[in-house]
Protein backbone atom coordinates (compact mmCIF):
# COMPACT_ATOMS: atom_id res chain seq x y z
CA UNK A 1 90.35 111.35 138.33
CA UNK A 2 86.75 110.09 136.74
CA UNK A 3 83.66 110.14 137.80
CA UNK A 4 79.69 110.09 137.11
CA UNK A 5 76.70 112.58 137.69
CA UNK A 6 73.89 110.41 138.65
CA UNK A 7 76.20 107.49 140.57
CA UNK A 8 79.40 108.52 142.04
CA UNK A 9 81.89 105.72 139.90
CA UNK A 10 85.92 107.35 141.26
CA UNK A 11 88.61 105.53 139.03
CA UNK A 12 92.42 106.89 139.14
CA UNK A 13 94.09 106.75 135.62
CA UNK A 14 97.66 107.62 135.17
CA UNK A 15 97.85 110.57 132.54
CA UNK A 16 95.79 110.28 129.31
CA UNK A 17 97.57 108.12 127.07
CA UNK A 18 100.62 107.35 129.70
CA UNK A 19 100.80 103.30 129.42
CA UNK A 20 101.71 101.72 132.40
CA UNK A 21 103.25 98.33 131.73
CA UNK A 22 101.52 96.73 134.01
CA UNK A 23 97.75 96.24 135.18
CA UNK A 24 96.10 94.78 137.76
CA UNK A 25 92.98 92.07 136.64
CA UNK A 26 90.77 89.47 137.49
CA UNK A 27 92.41 85.91 135.74
CA UNK A 28 91.69 83.13 135.55
CA UNK A 29 94.36 79.85 135.46
CA UNK A 30 93.91 76.04 134.15
CA UNK A 31 95.46 75.38 137.15
CA UNK A 32 92.40 77.20 139.23
CA UNK A 33 89.70 75.70 137.03
CA UNK A 34 86.76 75.86 139.22
CA UNK A 35 84.16 78.12 141.04
CA UNK A 36 85.00 81.84 140.24
CA UNK A 37 85.74 82.53 143.68
CA UNK A 38 88.51 80.22 143.76
CA UNK A 39 89.20 80.25 139.49
CA UNK A 40 89.36 84.65 139.16
CA UNK A 41 92.05 86.06 141.54
CA UNK A 42 93.06 89.61 141.12
CA UNK A 43 96.99 89.58 139.41
CA UNK A 44 99.81 92.00 138.11
CA UNK A 45 100.33 91.09 134.33
CA UNK A 46 101.58 93.31 131.45
CA UNK A 47 99.10 96.06 129.95
CA UNK A 48 98.66 94.22 126.08
CA UNK A 49 99.98 95.53 123.30
CA UNK A 50 97.62 96.55 120.80
CA UNK A 51 97.32 95.83 116.54
CA UNK A 52 97.13 98.11 113.91
CA UNK A 53 93.29 98.19 113.78
CA UNK A 54 92.64 97.62 118.13
CA UNK A 55 91.80 100.08 120.85
CA UNK A 56 92.97 99.78 124.44
CA UNK A 57 90.79 100.84 126.93
CA UNK A 58 90.86 102.12 130.50
CA UNK A 59 87.92 100.48 131.66
CA UNK A 60 85.95 102.50 134.03
CA UNK A 61 83.06 100.20 134.62
CA UNK A 62 82.17 96.13 133.58
CA UNK A 63 79.34 94.60 133.26
CA UNK A 64 79.15 91.20 134.47
CA UNK A 65 77.91 88.07 132.13
CA UNK A 66 77.79 84.68 132.93
CA UNK A 67 80.44 83.32 130.40
CA UNK A 68 82.79 84.70 133.07
CA UNK A 69 81.40 81.64 135.12
CA UNK A 70 82.10 79.34 132.23
CA UNK A 71 85.58 80.91 131.64
CA UNK A 72 86.30 79.91 135.53
CA UNK A 73 84.88 76.46 135.19
CA UNK A 74 87.04 75.65 131.83
CA UNK A 75 83.69 74.03 130.80
CA UNK A 76 82.40 73.98 128.10
CA UNK A 77 85.57 75.09 126.73
CA UNK A 78 88.79 75.31 128.49
CA UNK A 79 89.53 78.96 126.66
CA UNK A 80 92.50 79.20 127.26
CA UNK A 81 93.61 75.62 125.78
CA UNK A 82 91.15 76.88 122.87
CA UNK A 83 93.43 80.16 121.83
CA UNK A 84 96.63 78.72 122.63
CA UNK A 85 95.86 76.20 119.52
CA UNK A 86 94.97 79.24 117.46
CA UNK A 87 98.37 81.07 118.33
CA UNK A 88 97.81 83.28 121.11
CA UNK A 89 100.89 83.15 124.10
CA UNK A 90 99.41 83.89 127.42
CA UNK A 91 98.80 81.46 129.27
CA UNK A 92 95.76 82.83 131.28
CA UNK A 93 92.52 84.33 130.45
CA UNK A 94 90.62 87.66 131.65
CA UNK A 95 87.26 87.19 131.52
CA UNK A 96 84.44 90.15 130.83
CA UNK A 97 82.26 91.54 127.67
CA UNK A 98 80.69 94.60 128.22
CA UNK A 99 82.09 97.44 129.70
CA UNK A 100 82.55 101.34 129.76
CA UNK A 101 85.66 103.63 129.65
CA UNK A 102 87.61 105.75 128.52
CA UNK A 103 90.08 105.47 124.57
CA UNK A 104 94.13 105.37 125.43
CA UNK A 105 95.89 104.49 122.58
CA UNK A 106 94.98 103.82 119.18
CA UNK A 107 96.17 101.66 116.49
CA UNK A 108 97.70 102.81 112.96
CA UNK A 109 94.58 101.93 110.87
CA UNK A 110 91.76 103.06 113.68
CA UNK A 111 89.64 105.85 111.97
CA UNK A 112 86.70 106.73 114.00
CA UNK A 113 88.03 106.55 117.30
CA UNK A 114 90.27 108.68 119.48
CA UNK A 115 92.37 108.86 122.87
CA UNK A 116 90.51 110.56 124.95
CA UNK A 117 86.62 109.68 123.90
CA UNK A 118 84.24 108.27 125.99
CA UNK A 119 83.05 104.84 124.56
CA UNK A 120 80.77 101.52 125.66
CA UNK A 121 82.19 98.73 124.20
CA UNK A 122 80.09 95.78 122.52
CA UNK A 123 81.05 92.02 122.72
CA UNK A 124 80.97 91.52 119.01
CA UNK A 125 83.95 90.79 117.14
CA UNK A 126 84.80 89.92 113.78
CA UNK A 127 88.22 88.92 113.11
CA UNK A 128 89.86 88.92 109.50
CA UNK A 129 91.18 85.42 108.83
CA UNK A 130 94.79 85.83 107.08
CA UNK A 131 95.21 81.84 107.05
CA UNK A 132 93.51 78.86 105.32
CA UNK A 133 93.11 78.34 101.43
CA UNK A 134 90.95 81.08 98.95
CA UNK A 135 87.65 79.64 99.63
CA UNK A 136 89.09 81.18 103.85
CA UNK A 137 91.34 83.69 103.44
CA UNK A 138 89.35 87.58 104.03
CA UNK A 139 86.40 85.88 105.49
CA UNK A 140 85.59 87.36 108.68
CA UNK A 141 85.17 85.14 111.80
CA UNK A 142 82.74 86.49 114.80
CA UNK A 143 84.04 85.71 118.27
CA UNK A 144 82.61 86.91 121.91
CA UNK A 145 85.38 89.27 123.02
CA UNK A 146 86.35 88.32 126.69
CA UNK A 147 85.51 85.07 126.48
CA UNK A 148 86.43 83.58 123.13
CA UNK A 149 89.42 85.76 123.18
CA UNK A 150 91.42 87.13 125.80
CA UNK A 151 92.11 90.73 127.54
CA UNK A 152 88.48 91.13 128.49
CA UNK A 153 86.99 94.03 130.96
CA UNK A 154 87.93 92.69 134.47
CA UNK A 155 90.97 94.76 134.04
CA UNK A 156 91.92 97.98 134.28
CA UNK A 157 92.68 97.66 130.43
CA UNK A 158 91.22 96.06 127.90
CA UNK A 159 92.06 95.57 124.18
CA UNK A 160 89.30 95.46 121.40
CA UNK A 161 88.54 96.50 117.84
CA UNK A 162 87.63 99.44 116.61
CA UNK A 163 84.50 98.28 115.48
CA UNK A 164 83.56 97.36 118.82
CA UNK A 165 83.64 100.79 120.17
CA UNK A 166 80.26 103.07 120.34
CA UNK A 167 80.09 106.64 121.70
CA UNK A 168 78.76 106.24 125.34
CA UNK A 169 75.80 108.63 125.91
CA UNK A 170 75.94 111.44 128.05
CA UNK A 171 72.75 110.72 130.30
CA UNK A 172 74.20 107.13 131.54
CA UNK A 173 76.42 106.78 133.93
CA UNK A 174 79.39 104.68 133.69
CA UNK A 175 78.16 101.73 135.54
CA UNK A 176 74.92 101.59 133.72
CA UNK A 177 76.52 102.04 130.09
CA UNK A 178 78.82 99.41 131.02
CA UNK A 179 75.64 97.21 131.23
CA UNK A 180 73.31 96.79 128.23
CA UNK A 181 75.43 96.07 125.33
CA UNK A 182 75.02 92.27 125.82
CA UNK A 183 74.17 91.58 129.70
CA UNK A 184 71.11 93.81 129.57
CA UNK A 185 70.30 93.13 125.78
CA UNK A 186 70.47 89.70 127.03
CA UNK A 187 67.99 90.21 129.62
CA UNK A 188 65.79 92.44 127.09
CA UNK A 189 65.41 89.49 125.35
CA UNK A 190 64.32 86.86 127.90
CA UNK A 191 61.68 89.29 128.78
CA UNK A 192 60.03 90.81 125.51
CA UNK A 193 61.59 88.23 123.01
CA UNK A 194 59.38 85.37 123.09
CA UNK A 195 55.52 86.32 121.92
CA UNK A 196 53.25 85.98 123.43
CA UNK A 197 55.48 85.61 126.51
CA UNK A 198 56.25 88.42 127.32
CA UNK A 199 56.71 90.96 130.28
CA UNK A 200 54.05 93.05 130.78
CA UNK A 201 53.58 95.63 133.53
CA UNK A 202 52.31 94.62 136.60
CA UNK A 203 53.52 90.99 135.81
CA UNK A 204 54.45 89.06 138.88
CA UNK A 205 58.32 87.98 137.78
């Protein structure tokens, strides 16, 4: 059981390091594509395995981003069909591209985070290509975790790469820490990133 000091967030977790076989997750399936209220349903699914350079995160809080609406709609991209064409076997999708949580397991190639670390998670994934000809092998392909890849933050456990994990600031409660790397940064850029049309103190918004 962990709580934040500034705002209570209570989460029940198994003993640190114990990985259950299944987890609850907000799941999208192709036969439910449409409005999020209908498309996203709570299901019990297997806890995913991790690769050598991946990290399993016990999610404490998740940030909400509009890409979950796109994933639920299956438009403009059917993310499930896209992933399955690329070799993924799961016929469902767990959205969520912002999170704070606790490192629960690490792959053998992970060097910079440890089980028990409190982290925030960046949405940006850089995956090295192992296929293709000499011109593409070893290239790093960017994608958005929880949208273009599966096992996002709307679940009890999420899968990310080591490079996505950053130490959680001690002064931020879990919920605030979960939403500023993607959702918060996007909102900030909308308000302040378009000179001279930037929001100033006292402006009506």
